């Protein structure tokens, strides 16, 4: 798992407002506790309101609201795949809408590598 994806997943876990130990987070992410410690330090340094320390656990001290376009790479690809299937089906009543939406998603999320074709 790439670091960006892992950090995104860690934030998603922490959004539940509960205290999570580094061991628990490491097991869920499939990494070492040392990696979780580094990730938490990096997130705190970049302004994510994560609080905690080794031996106690980590928690978001304030609710974190992510924008609606914060999709995981898998979610973005599934969305694009579904839109492509409808866009090529000339009998589908929403073919034009699917083509238009696929173009918008590709334009709004260039980092996802989605092609409008």
PDB file of N, CA and C in Angstrom:
ATOM      1  N   UNK A   1       0.845  -1.176   0.000  1.00  0.00           N
ATOM      2  CA  UNK A   1       0.000   0.000   0.000  1.00  0.00           C
ATOM      3  C   UNK A   1       0.892   1.242   0.000  1.00  0.00           C
ATOM      4  N   UNK A   2       0.568   2.176  -0.871  1.00  0.00           N
ATOM      5  CA  UNK A   2       1.338   3.413  -0.957  1.00  0.00           C
ATOM      6  C   UNK A   2       1.051   4.291   0.260  1.00  0.00           C
ATOM      7  N   UNK A   3       2.020   5.129   0.597  1.00  0.00           N
ATOM      8  CA  UNK A   3       1.908   5.975   1.783  1.00  0.00           C
ATOM      9  C   UNK A   3       0.687   6.894   1.736  1.00  0.00           C
ATOM     10  N   UNK A   4       0.414   7.524   0.592  1.00  0.00           N
ATOM     11  CA  UNK A   4      -0.742   8.415   0.484  1.00  0.00           C
ATOM     12  C   UNK A   4      -2.034   7.678   0.790  1.00  0.00           C
ATOM     13  N   UNK A   5      -2.175   6.479   0.257  1.00  0.00           N
ATOM     14  CA  UNK A   5      -3.381   5.692   0.509  1.00  0.00           C
ATOM     15  C   UNK A   5      -3.459   5.309   1.976  1.00  0.00           C
ATOM     16  N   UNK A   6      -2.323   4.938   2.566  1.00  0.00           N
ATOM     17  CA  UNK A   6      -2.301   4.555   3.975  1.00  0.00           C
ATOM     18  C   UNK A   6      -2.702   5.737   4.858  1.00  0.00           C
ATOM     19  N   UNK A   7      -2.178   6.919   4.567  1.00  0.00           N
ATOM     20  CA  UNK A   7      -2.527   8.101   5.354  1.00  0.00           C
ATOM     21  C   UNK A   7      -4.015   8.413   5.238  1.00  0.00           C
ATOM     22  N   UNK A   8      -4.545   8.309   4.035  1.00  0.00           N
ATOM     23  CA  UNK A   8      -5.980   8.527   3.827  1.00  0.00           C
ATOM     24  C   UNK A   8      -6.775   7.527   4.662  1.00  0.00           C
ATOM     25  N   UNK A   9      -6.390   6.255   4.613  1.00  0.00           N
ATOM     26  CA  UNK A   9      -7.095   5.220   5.369  1.00  0.00           C
ATOM     27  C   UNK A   9      -6.982   5.458   6.880  1.00  0.00           C
ATOM     28  N   UNK A  10      -5.816   5.894   7.346  1.00  0.00           N
ATOM     29  CA  UNK A  10      -5.653   6.194   8.769  1.00  0.00           C
ATOM     30  C   UNK A  10      -6.592   7.311   9.207  1.00  0.00           C
ATOM     31  N   UNK A  11      -6.693   8.349   8.407  1.00  0.00           N
ATOM     32  CA  UNK A  11      -7.607   9.447   8.732  1.00  0.00           C
ATOM     33  C   UNK A  11      -9.044   8.938   8.782  1.00  0.00           C
ATOM     34  N   UNK A  12      -9.414   8.087   7.839  1.00  0.00           N
ATOM     35  CA  UNK A  12     -10.769   7.542   7.832  1.00  0.00           C
ATOM     36  C   UNK A  12     -11.048   6.754   9.111  1.00  0.00           C
ATOM     37  N   UNK A  13     -10.089   5.982   9.567  1.00  0.00           N
ATOM     38  CA  UNK A  13     -10.253   5.210  10.805  1.00  0.00           C
ATOM     39  C   UNK A  13     -10.395   6.159  11.993  1.00  0.00           C
ATOM     40  N   UNK A  14      -9.543   7.163  12.066  1.00  0.00           N
ATOM     41  CA  UNK A  14      -9.541   8.094  13.199  1.00  0.00           C
ATOM     42  C   UNK A  14     -10.777   8.981  13.256  1.00  0.00           C
ATOM     43  N   UNK A  15     -11.484   9.104  12.142  1.00  0.00           N
ATOM     44  CA  UNK A  15     -12.674   9.962  12.114  1.00  0.00           C
ATOM     45  C   UNK A  15     -13.796   9.452  13.009  1.00  0.00           C
ATOM     46  N   UNK A  16     -13.688   8.207  13.529  1.00  0.00           N
ATOM     47  CA  UNK A  16     -14.748   7.680  14.393  1.00  0.00           C
ATOM     48  C   UNK A  16     -14.732   8.301  15.793  1.00  0.00           C
ATOM     49  N   UNK A  17     -13.698   9.088  16.099  1.00  0.00           N
ATOM     50  CA  UNK A  17     -13.624   9.783  17.385  1.00  0.00           C
ATOM     51  C   UNK A  17     -13.147   8.929  18.542  1.00  0.00           C
ATOM     52  N   UNK A  18     -12.722   7.711  18.271  1.00  0.00           N
ATOM     53  CA  UNK A  18     -12.257   6.818  19.324  1.00  0.00           C
ATOM     54  C   UNK A  18     -10.738   6.808  19.384  1.00  0.00           C
ATOM     55  N   UNK A  19     -10.221   6.378  20.518  1.00  0.00           N
ATOM     56  CA  UNK A  19      -8.779   6.244  20.709  1.00  0.00           C
ATOM     57  C   UNK A  19      -8.322   4.939  20.067  1.00  0.00           C
ATOM     58  N   UNK A  20      -7.283   5.008  19.243  1.00  0.00           N
ATOM     59  CA  UNK A  20      -6.745   3.830  18.555  1.00  0.00           C
ATOM     60  C   UNK A  20      -5.258   3.715  18.872  1.00  0.00           C
ATOM     61  N   UNK A  21      -4.838   2.520  19.274  1.00  0.00           N
ATOM     62  CA  UNK A  21      -3.423   2.308  19.551  1.00  0.00           C
ATOM     63  C   UNK A  21      -2.656   2.133  18.244  1.00  0.00           C
ATOM     64  N   UNK A  22      -1.362   2.393  18.314  1.00  0.00           N
ATOM     65  CA  UNK A  22      -0.512   2.209  17.134  1.00  0.00           C
ATOM     66  C   UNK A  22      -0.516   0.746  16.699  1.00  0.00           C
ATOM     67  N   UNK A  23      -0.560  -0.164  17.655  1.00  0.00           N
ATOM     68  CA  UNK A  23      -0.599  -1.590  17.330  1.00  0.00           C
ATOM     69  C   UNK A  23      -1.848  -1.967  16.554  1.00  0.00           C
ATOM     70  N   UNK A  24      -2.984  -1.433  16.997  1.00  0.00           N
ATOM     71  CA  UNK A  24      -4.243  -1.696  16.302  1.00  0.00           C
ATOM     72  C   UNK A  24      -4.209  -1.127  14.887  1.00  0.00           C
ATOM     73  N   UNK A  25      -3.755   0.118  14.762  1.00  0.00           N
ATOM     74  CA  UNK A  25      -3.681   0.758  13.446  1.00  0.00           C
ATOM     75  C   UNK A  25      -2.700   0.022  12.536  1.00  0.00           C
ATOM     76  N   UNK A  26      -1.569  -0.390  13.101  1.00  0.00           N
ATOM     77  CA  UNK A  26      -0.571  -1.115  12.310  1.00  0.00           C
ATOM     78  C   UNK A  26      -1.139  -2.423  11.775  1.00  0.00           C
ATOM     79  N   UNK A  27      -1.883  -3.128  12.614  1.00  0.00           N
ATOM     80  CA  UNK A  27      -2.481  -4.393  12.182  1.00  0.00           C
ATOM     81  C   UNK A  27      -3.495  -4.163  11.065  1.00  0.00           C
ATOM     82  N   UNK A  28      -4.295  -3.126  11.182  1.00  0.00           N
ATOM     83  CA  UNK A  28      -5.292  -2.839  10.151  1.00  0.00           C
ATOM     84  C   UNK A  28      -4.654  -2.397   8.842  1.00  0.00           C
ATOM     85  N   UNK A  29      -3.514  -1.711   8.924  1.00  0.00           N
ATOM     86  CA  UNK A  29      -2.842  -1.211   7.723  1.00  0.00           C
ATOM     87  C   UNK A  29      -1.831  -2.196   7.156  1.00  0.00           C
ATOM     88  N   UNK A  30      -1.471  -3.198   7.934  1.00  0.00           N
ATOM     89  CA  UNK A  30      -0.484  -4.171   7.480  1.00  0.00           C
ATOM     90  C   UNK A  30       0.931  -3.621   7.473  1.00  0.00           C
ATOM     91  N   UNK A  31       1.234  -2.745   8.450  1.00  0.00           N
ATOM     92  CA  UNK A  31       2.560  -2.141   8.568  1.00  0.00           C
ATOM     93  C   UNK A  31       3.034  -2.287  10.009  1.00  0.00           C
ATOM     94  N   UNK A  32       4.239  -1.833  10.280  1.00  0.00           N
ATOM     95  CA  UNK A  32       4.776  -1.900  11.636  1.00  0.00           C
ATOM     96  C   UNK A  32       4.256  -0.729  12.477  1.00  0.00           C
ATOM     97  N   UNK A  33       4.345  -0.894  13.807  1.00  0.00           N
ATOM     98  CA  UNK A  33       3.945   0.216  14.681  1.00  0.00           C
ATOM     99  C   UNK A  33       4.856   1.417  14.465  1.00  0.00           C
ATOM    100  N   UNK A  34       6.092   1.156  14.150  1.00  0.00           N
ATOM    101  CA  UNK A  34       7.034   2.254  13.882  1.00  0.00           C
ATOM    102  C   UNK A  34       6.562   3.096  12.685  1.00  0.00           C
ATOM    103  N   UNK A  35       6.042   2.441  11.661  1.00  0.00           N
ATOM    104  CA  UNK A  35       5.506   3.160  10.498  1.00  0.00           C
ATOM    105  C   UNK A  35       4.320   4.019  10.914  1.00  0.00           C
ATOM    106  N   UNK A  36       3.441   3.482  11.767  1.00  0.00           N
ATOM    107  CA  UNK A  36       2.296   4.256  12.252  1.00  0.00           C
ATOM    108  C   UNK A  36       2.787   5.469  13.030  1.00  0.00           C
ATOM    109  N   UNK A  37       3.796   5.301  13.874  1.00  0.00           N
ATOM    110  CA  UNK A  37       4.337   6.442  14.629  1.00  0.00           C
ATOM    111  C   UNK A  37       4.817   7.536  13.692  1.00  0.00           C
ATOM    112  N   UNK A  38       5.538   7.130  12.651  1.00  0.00           N
ATOM    113  CA  UNK A  38       6.040   8.118  11.678  1.00  0.00           C
ATOM    114  C   UNK A  38       4.887   8.789  10.935  1.00  0.00           C
ATOM    115  N   UNK A  39       3.905   7.986  10.540  1.00  0.00           N
ATOM    116  CA  UNK A  39       2.753   8.547   9.830  1.00  0.00           C
ATOM    117  C   UNK A  39       1.998   9.547  10.703  1.00  0.00           C
ATOM    118  N   UNK A  40       1.809   9.224  11.965  1.00  0.00           N
ATOM    119  CA  UNK A  40       1.098  10.133  12.872  1.00  0.00           C
ATOM    120  C   UNK A  40       1.880  11.419  13.084  1.00  0.00           C
ATOM    121  N   UNK A  41       3.177  11.317  13.213  1.00  0.00           N
ATOM    122  CA  UNK A  41       4.007  12.517  13.374  1.00  0.00           C
ATOM    123  C   UNK A  41       3.932  13.387  12.128  1.00  0.00           C
ATOM    124  N   UNK A  42       3.940  12.761  10.957  1.00  0.00           N
ATOM    125  CA  UNK A  42       3.857  13.505   9.708  1.00  0.00           C
ATOM    126  C   UNK A  42       2.498  14.188   9.573  1.00  0.00           C
ATOM    127  N   UNK A  43       1.421  13.472   9.919  1.00  0.00           N
ATOM    128  CA  UNK A  43       0.087  14.066   9.823  1.00  0.00           C
ATOM    129  C   UNK A  43      -0.043  15.249  10.775  1.00  0.00           C
ATOM    130  N   UNK A  44       0.449  15.111  11.993  1.00  0.00           N
ATOM    131  CA  UNK A  44       0.385  16.215  12.956  1.00  0.00           C
ATOM    132  C   UNK A  44       1.190  17.417  12.459  1.00  0.00           C
ATOM    133  N   UNK A  45       2.336  17.147  11.850  1.00  0.00           N
ATOM    134  CA  UNK A  45       3.180  18.234  11.342  1.00  0.00           C
ATOM    135  C   UNK A  45       2.539  18.969  10.171  1.00  0.00           C
ATOM    136  N   UNK A  46       1.655  18.307   9.446  1.00  0.00           N
ATOM    137  CA  UNK A  46       1.015  18.954   8.299  1.00  0.00           C
ATOM    138  C   UNK A  46      -0.321  19.593   8.656  1.00  0.00           C
ATOM    139  N   UNK A  47      -0.696  19.557   9.933  1.00  0.00           N
ATOM    140  CA  UNK A  47      -1.895  20.256  10.358  1.00  0.00           C
ATOM    141  C   UNK A  47      -3.132  19.410  10.571  1.00  0.00           C
ATOM    142  N   UNK A  48      -3.040  18.120  10.360  1.00  0.00           N
ATOM    143  CA  UNK A  48      -4.184  17.256  10.645  1.00  0.00           C
ATOM    144  C   UNK A  48      -4.302  17.175  12.164  1.00  0.00           C
ATOM    145  N   UNK A  49      -5.493  17.410  12.723  1.00  0.00           N
ATOM    146  CA  UNK A  49      -5.627  17.514  14.180  1.00  0.00           C
ATOM    147  C   UNK A  49      -5.557  16.175  14.918  1.00  0.00           C
ATOM    148  N   UNK A  50      -4.498  15.423  14.670  1.00  0.00           N
ATOM    149  CA  UNK A  50      -4.318  14.134  15.336  1.00  0.00           C
ATOM    150  C   UNK A  50      -3.545  14.389  16.636  1.00  0.00           C
ATOM    151  N   UNK A  51      -3.960  13.691  17.670  1.00  0.00           N
ATOM    152  CA  UNK A  51      -3.336  13.865  18.976  1.00  0.00           C
ATOM    153  C   UNK A  51      -3.063  12.498  19.566  1.00  0.00           C
ATOM    154  N   UNK A  52      -1.968  12.367  20.271  1.00  0.00           N
ATOM    155  CA  UNK A  52      -1.647  11.108  20.918  1.00  0.00           C
ATOM    156  C   UNK A  52      -0.161  10.913  21.013  1.00  0.00           C
ATOM    157  N   UNK A  53       0.194   9.773  21.541  1.00  0.00           N
ATOM    158  CA  UNK A  53       1.603   9.451  21.664  1.00  0.00           C
ATOM    159  C   UNK A  53       1.794   7.953  21.804  1.00  0.00           C
ATOM    160  N   UNK A  54       3.025   7.543  21.638  1.00  0.00           N
ATOM    161  CA  UNK A  54       3.361   6.130  21.731  1.00  0.00           C
ATOM    162  C   UNK A  54       2.929   5.587  23.087  1.00  0.00           C
ATOM    163  N   UNK A  55       2.319   4.418  23.071  1.00  0.00           N
ATOM    164  CA  UNK A  55       1.894   3.762  24.300  1.00  0.00           C
ATOM    165  C   UNK A  55       0.482   4.098  24.732  1.00  0.00           C
ATOM    166  N   UNK A  56      -0.053   5.225  24.286  1.00  0.00           N
ATOM    167  CA  UNK A  56      -1.403   5.615  24.674  1.00  0.00           C
ATOM    168  C   UNK A  56      -2.405   5.392  23.561  1.00  0.00           C
ATOM    169  N   UNK A  57      -2.118   5.944  22.412  1.00  0.00           N
ATOM    170  CA  UNK A  57      -3.017   5.828  21.285  1.00  0.00           C
ATOM    171  C   UNK A  57      -3.180   7.160  20.587  1.00  0.00           C
ATOM    172  N   UNK A  58      -3.983   7.162  19.552  1.00  0.00           N
ATOM    173  CA  UNK A  58      -4.176   8.350  18.717  1.00  0.00           C
ATOM    174  C   UNK A  58      -5.662   8.606  18.519  1.00  0.00           C
ATOM    175  N   UNK A  59      -5.981   9.891  18.410  1.00  0.00           N
ATOM    176  CA  UNK A  59      -7.362  10.314  18.218  1.00  0.00           C
ATOM    177  C   UNK A  59      -7.347  11.642  17.469  1.00  0.00           C
ATOM    178  N   UNK A  60      -8.408  11.914  16.716  1.00  0.00           N
ATOM    179  CA  UNK A  60      -8.549  13.239  16.115  1.00  0.00           C
ATOM    180  C   UNK A  60      -9.166  14.129  17.181  1.00  0.00           C
ATOM    181  N   UNK A  61      -8.507  15.238  17.523  1.00  0.00           N
ATOM    182  CA  UNK A  61      -9.020  16.087  18.598  1.00  0.00           C
ATOM    183  C   UNK A  61     -10.186  16.961  18.156  1.00  0.00           C
ATOM    184  N   UNK A  62     -10.358  17.161  16.867  1.00  0.00           N
ATOM    185  CA  UNK A  62     -11.531  17.863  16.341  1.00  0.00           C
ATOM    186  C   UNK A  62     -12.024  17.088  15.128  1.00  0.00           C
ATOM    187  N   UNK A  63     -13.314  17.143  14.876  1.00  0.00           N
ATOM    188  CA  UNK A  63     -13.832  16.433  13.701  1.00  0.00           C
ATOM    189  C   UNK A  63     -13.164  16.930  12.420  1.00  0.00           C
ATOM    190  N   UNK A  64     -12.894  16.024  11.545  1.00  0.00           N
ATOM    191  CA  UNK A  64     -12.257  16.354  10.280  1.00  0.00           C
ATOM    192  C   UNK A  64     -13.249  16.057   9.162  1.00  0.00           C
ATOM    193  N   UNK A  65     -13.594  17.086   8.422  1.00  0.00           N
ATOM    194  CA  UNK A  65     -14.525  16.930   7.319  1.00  0.00           C
ATOM    195  C   UNK A  65     -13.725  16.941   6.020  1.00  0.00           C
ATOM    196  N   UNK A  66     -13.829  15.869   5.280  1.00  0.00           N
ATOM    197  CA  UNK A  66     -13.124  15.775   4.007  1.00  0.00           C
ATOM    198  C   UNK A  66     -14.062  16.190   2.886  1.00  0.00           C
ATOM    199  N   UNK A  67     -13.536  16.821   1.862  1.00  0.00           N
ATOM    200  CA  UNK A  67     -14.406  17.212   0.753  1.00  0.00           C
ATOM    201  C   UNK A  67     -15.000  15.990   0.071  1.00  0.00           C
ATOM    202  N   UNK A  68     -16.139  16.203  -0.544  1.00  0.00           N
ATOM    203  CA  UNK A  68     -16.844  15.092  -1.194  1.00  0.00           C
ATOM    204  C   UNK A  68     -16.024  14.452  -2.308  1.00  0.00           C
ATOM    205  N   UNK A  69     -15.050  15.164  -2.864  1.00  0.00           N
ATOM    206  CA  UNK A  69     -14.240  14.610  -3.950  1.00  0.00           C
ATOM    207  C   UNK A  69     -13.047  13.813  -3.434  1.00  0.00           C
ATOM    208  N   UNK A  70     -12.969  13.597  -2.135  1.00  0.00           N
ATOM    209  CA  UNK A  70     -11.868  12.818  -1.576  1.00  0.00           C
ATOM    210  C   UNK A  70     -12.175  11.335  -1.755  1.00  0.00           C
ATOM    211  N   UNK A  71     -11.946  10.843  -2.959  1.00  0.00           N
ATOM    212  CA  UNK A  71     -12.186   9.443  -3.273  1.00  0.00           C
ATOM    213  C   UNK A  71     -10.886   8.669  -3.188  1.00  0.00           C
ATOM    214  N   UNK A  72     -10.980   7.416  -2.785  1.00  0.00           N
ATOM    215  CA  UNK A  72      -9.808   6.560  -2.849  1.00  0.00           C
ATOM    216  C   UNK A  72      -9.571   6.232  -4.322  1.00  0.00           C
ATOM    217  N   UNK A  73      -8.363   5.817  -4.675  1.00  0.00           N
ATOM    218  CA  UNK A  73      -8.120   5.433  -6.073  1.00  0.00           C
ATOM    219  C   UNK A  73      -9.073   4.339  -6.556  1.00  0.00           C
ATOM    220  N   UNK A  74      -9.369   3.373  -5.696  1.00  0.00           N
ATOM    221  CA  UNK A  74     -10.303   2.305  -6.084  1.00  0.00           C
ATOM    222  C   UNK A  74     -11.704   2.858  -6.317  1.00  0.00           C
ATOM    223  N   UNK A  75     -12.154   3.758  -5.453  1.00  0.00           N
ATOM    224  CA  UNK A  75     -13.482   4.348  -5.624  1.00  0.00           C
ATOM    225  C   UNK A  75     -13.567   5.142  -6.924  1.00  0.00           C
ATOM    226  N   UNK A  76     -12.539   5.900  -7.230  1.00  0.00           N
ATOM    227  CA  UNK A  76     -12.529   6.685  -8.466  1.00  0.00           C
ATOM    228  C   UNK A  76     -12.570   5.768  -9.685  1.00  0.00           C
ATOM    229  N   UNK A  77     -11.828   4.679  -9.642  1.00  0.00           N
ATOM    230  CA  UNK A  77     -11.818   3.753 -10.779  1.00  0.00           C
ATOM    231  C   UNK A  77     -13.150   3.039 -10.942  1.00  0.00           C
ATOM    232  N   UNK A  78     -13.776   2.664  -9.825  1.00  0.00           N
ATOM    233  CA  UNK A  78     -15.086   2.018  -9.900  1.00  0.00           C
ATOM    234  C   UNK A  78     -16.115   2.985 -10.487  1.00  0.00           C
ATOM    235  N   UNK A  79     -16.061   4.229 -10.064  1.00  0.00           N
ATOM    236  CA  UNK A  79     -16.971   5.240 -10.601  1.00  0.00           C
ATOM    237  C   UNK A  79     -16.775   5.389 -12.106  1.00  0.00           C
ATOM    238  N   UNK A  80     -15.519   5.516 -12.523  1.00  0.00           N
ATOM    239  CA  UNK A  80     -15.222   5.673 -13.945  1.00  0.00           C
ATOM    240  C   UNK A  80     -15.648   4.439 -14.739  1.00  0.00           C
ATOM    241  N   UNK A  81     -15.411   3.255 -14.190  1.00  0.00           N
ATOM    242  CA  UNK A  81     -15.798   2.021 -14.882  1.00  0.00           C
ATOM    243  C   UNK A  81     -17.304   1.956 -15.096  1.00  0.00           C
ATOM    244  N   UNK A  82     -18.062   2.288 -14.073  1.00  0.00           N
ATOM    245  CA  UNK A  82     -19.520   2.283 -14.200  1.00  0.00           C
ATOM    246  C   UNK A  82     -20.004   3.287 -15.230  1.00  0.00           C
ATOM    247  N   UNK A  83     -19.419   4.484 -15.201  1.00  0.00           N
ATOM    248  CA  UNK A  83     -19.803   5.508 -16.170  1.00  0.00           C
ATOM    249  C   UNK A  83     -19.444   5.090 -17.594  1.00  0.00           C
ATOM    250  N   UNK A  84     -18.276   4.464 -17.766  1.00  0.00           N
ATOM    251  CA  UNK A  84     -17.876   4.003 -19.103  1.00  0.00           C
ATOM    252  C   UNK A  84     -18.850   2.963 -19.654  1.00  0.00           C
ATOM    253  N   UNK A  85     -19.295   2.055 -18.801  1.00  0.00           N
ATOM    254  CA  UNK A  85     -20.223   1.003 -19.242  1.00  0.00           C
ATOM    255  C   UNK A  85     -21.525   1.605 -19.756  1.00  0.00           C
ATOM    256  N   UNK A  86     -22.015   2.609 -19.070  1.00  0.00           N
ATOM    257  CA  UNK A  86     -23.248   3.264 -19.519  1.00  0.00           C
ATOM    258  C   UNK A  86     -22.970   4.123 -20.754  1.00  0.00           C
ATOM    259  N   UNK A  87     -21.827   4.788 -20.783  1.00  0.00           N
ATOM    260  CA  UNK A  87     -21.494   5.690 -21.896  1.00  0.00           C
ATOM    261  C   UNK A  87     -21.374   4.975 -23.232  1.00  0.00           C
ATOM    262  N   UNK A  88     -21.001   3.707 -23.237  1.00  0.00           N
ATOM    263  CA  UNK A  88     -20.855   2.977 -24.503  1.00  0.00           C
ATOM    264  C   UNK A  88     -22.131   2.247 -24.906  1.00  0.00           C
ATOM    265  N   UNK A  89     -23.093   2.190 -24.007  1.00  0.00           N
ATOM    266  CA  UNK A  89     -24.357   1.498 -24.281  1.00  0.00           C
ATOM    267  C   UNK A  89     -25.317   2.474 -24.966  1.00  0.00           C
ATOM    268  N   UNK A  90     -25.383   2.389 -26.298  1.00  0.00           N
ATOM    269  CA  UNK A  90     -26.197   3.335 -27.058  1.00  0.00           C
ATOM    270  C   UNK A  90     -27.687   3.203 -26.772  1.00  0.00           C
ATOM    271  N   UNK A  91     -28.097   2.090 -26.194  1.00  0.00           N
ATOM    272  CA  UNK A  91     -29.517   1.899 -25.873  1.00  0.00           C
ATOM    273  C   UNK A  91     -29.866   2.453 -24.489  1.00  0.00           C
ATOM    274  N   UNK A  92     -28.849   2.789 -23.716  1.00  0.00           N
ATOM    275  CA  UNK A  92     -29.116   3.266 -22.362  1.00  0.00           C
ATOM    276  C   UNK A  92     -29.670   4.695 -22.405  1.00  0.00           C
ATOM    277  N   UNK A  93     -30.752   4.962 -21.675  1.00  0.00           N
ATOM    278  CA  UNK A  93     -31.369   6.291 -21.731  1.00  0.00           C
ATOM    279  C   UNK A  93     -30.496   7.406 -21.136  1.00  0.00           C
ATOM    280  N   UNK A  94     -29.501   7.053 -20.377  1.00  0.00           N
ATOM    281  CA  UNK A  94     -28.642   8.076 -19.765  1.00  0.00           C
ATOM    282  C   UNK A  94     -27.214   8.036 -20.318  1.00  0.00           C
ATOM    283  N   UNK A  95     -27.066   7.578 -21.524  1.00  0.00           N
ATOM    284  CA  UNK A  95     -25.745   7.498 -22.143  1.00  0.00           C
ATOM    285  C   UNK A  95     -25.065   8.858 -22.191  1.00  0.00           C
ATOM    286  N   UNK A  96     -25.768   9.873 -22.653  1.00  0.00           N
ATOM    287  CA  UNK A  96     -25.185  11.219 -22.768  1.00  0.00           C
ATOM    288  C   UNK A  96     -24.786  11.758 -21.403  1.00  0.00           C
ATOM    289  N   UNK A  97     -25.625  11.533 -20.409  1.00  0.00           N
ATOM    290  CA  UNK A  97     -25.320  11.995 -19.056  1.00  0.00           C
ATOM    291  C   UNK A  97     -24.068  11.294 -18.516  1.00  0.00           C
ATOM    292  N   UNK A  98     -23.935  10.008 -18.785  1.00  0.00           N
ATOM    293  CA  UNK A  98     -22.764   9.258 -18.334  1.00  0.00           C
ATOM    294  C   UNK A  98     -21.489   9.779 -18.989  1.00  0.00           C
ATOM    295  N   UNK A  99     -21.550  10.067 -20.288  1.00  0.00           N
ATOM    296  CA  UNK A  99     -20.386  10.624 -20.985  1.00  0.00           C
ATOM    297  C   UNK A  99     -19.998  11.969 -20.386  1.00  0.00           C
ATOM    298  N   UNK A 100     -20.988  12.802 -20.144  1.00  0.00           N
ATOM    299  CA  UNK A 100     -20.739  14.127 -19.586  1.00  0.00           C
ATOM    300  C   UNK A 100     -20.145  14.035 -18.185  1.00  0.00           C
ATOM    301  N   UNK A 101     -20.714  13.180 -17.361  1.00  0.00           N
ATOM    302  CA  UNK A 101     -20.215  13.024 -15.997  1.00  0.00           C
ATOM    303  C   UNK A 101     -18.811  12.431 -15.982  1.00  0.00           C
ATOM    304  N   UNK A 102     -18.530  11.486 -16.847  1.00  0.00           N
ATOM    305  CA  UNK A 102     -17.186  10.908 -16.928  1.00  0.00           C
ATOM    306  C   UNK A 102     -16.171  11.994 -17.281  1.00  0.00           C
ATOM    307  N   UNK A 103     -16.524  12.860 -18.209  1.00  0.00           N
ATOM    308  CA  UNK A 103     -15.639  13.968 -18.569  1.00  0.00           C
ATOM    309  C   UNK A 103     -15.403  14.875 -17.362  1.00  0.00           C
ATOM    310  N   UNK A 104     -16.458  15.184 -16.614  1.00  0.00           N
ATOM    311  CA  UNK A 104     -16.323  16.054 -15.437  1.00  0.00           C
ATOM    312  C   UNK A 104     -15.445  15.418 -14.363  1.00  0.00           C
ATOM    313  N   UNK A 105     -15.645  14.138 -14.118  1.00  0.00           N
ATOM    314  CA  UNK A 105     -14.846  13.437 -13.107  1.00  0.00           C
ATOM    315  C   UNK A 105     -13.377  13.431 -13.522  1.00  0.00           C
ATOM    316  N   UNK A 106     -13.108  13.139 -14.789  1.00  0.00           N
ATOM    317  CA  UNK A 106     -11.724  13.129 -15.281  1.00  0.00           C
ATOM    318  C   UNK A 106     -11.088  14.508 -15.157  1.00  0.00           C
ATOM    319  N   UNK A 107     -11.869  15.553 -15.365  1.00  0.00           N
ATOM    320  CA  UNK A 107     -11.360  16.920 -15.278  1.00  0.00           C
ATOM    321  C   UNK A 107     -11.142  17.349 -13.833  1.00  0.00           C
ATOM    322  N   UNK A 108     -12.076  16.996 -12.950  1.00  0.00           N
ATOM    323  CA  UNK A 108     -11.998  17.415 -11.553  1.00  0.00           C
ATOM    324  C   UNK A 108     -10.984  16.621 -10.742  1.00  0.00           C
ATOM    325  N   UNK A 109     -10.707  15.409 -11.166  1.00  0.00           N
ATOM    326  CA  UNK A 109      -9.785  14.533 -10.419  1.00  0.00           C
ATOM    327  C   UNK A 109      -8.634  14.057 -11.296  1.00  0.00           C
ATOM    328  N   UNK A 110      -7.826  14.973 -11.821  1.00  0.00           N
ATOM    329  CA  UNK A 110      -6.747  14.541 -12.717  1.00  0.00           C
ATOM    330  C   UNK A 110      -5.744  13.618 -12.046  1.00  0.00           C
ATOM    331  N   UNK A 111      -5.568  13.758 -10.735  1.00  0.00           N
ATOM    332  CA  UNK A 111      -4.616  12.914 -10.014  1.00  0.00           C
ATOM    333  C   UNK A 111      -5.039  11.450  -9.996  1.00  0.00           C
ATOM    334  N   UNK A 112      -6.320  11.177 -10.271  1.00  0.00           N
ATOM    335  CA  UNK A 112      -6.806   9.796 -10.275  1.00  0.00           C
ATOM    336  C   UNK A 112      -6.430   9.068 -11.564  1.00  0.00           C
ATOM    337  N   UNK A 113      -6.010   9.810 -12.584  1.00  0.00           N
ATOM    338  CA  UNK A 113      -5.604   9.190 -13.835  1.00  0.00           C
ATOM    339  C   UNK A 113      -6.762   8.624 -14.626  1.00  0.00           C
ATOM    340  N   UNK A 114      -7.950   9.179 -14.453  1.00  0.00           N
ATOM    341  CA  UNK A 114      -9.132   8.710 -15.169  1.00  0.00           C
ATOM    342  C   UNK A 114      -9.175   9.352 -16.536  1.00  0.00           C
ATOM    343  N   UNK A 115      -9.401   8.537 -17.533  1.00  0.00           N
ATOM    344  CA  UNK A 115      -9.511   9.030 -18.903  1.00  0.00           C
ATOM    345  C   UNK A 115     -10.989   9.234 -19.228  1.00  0.00           C
ATOM    346  N   UNK A 116     -11.295  10.322 -19.914  1.00  0.00           N
ATOM    347  CA  UNK A 116     -12.680  10.596 -20.298  1.00  0.00           C
ATOM    348  C   UNK A 116     -13.104   9.774 -21.505  1.00  0.00           C
ATOM    349  N   UNK A 117     -12.190   9.035 -22.085  1.00  0.00           N
ATOM    350  CA  UNK A 117     -12.490   8.218 -23.273  1.00  0.00           C
ATOM    351  C   UNK A 117     -13.137   6.910 -22.900  1.00  0.00           C
TER     352      UNK A 117
END
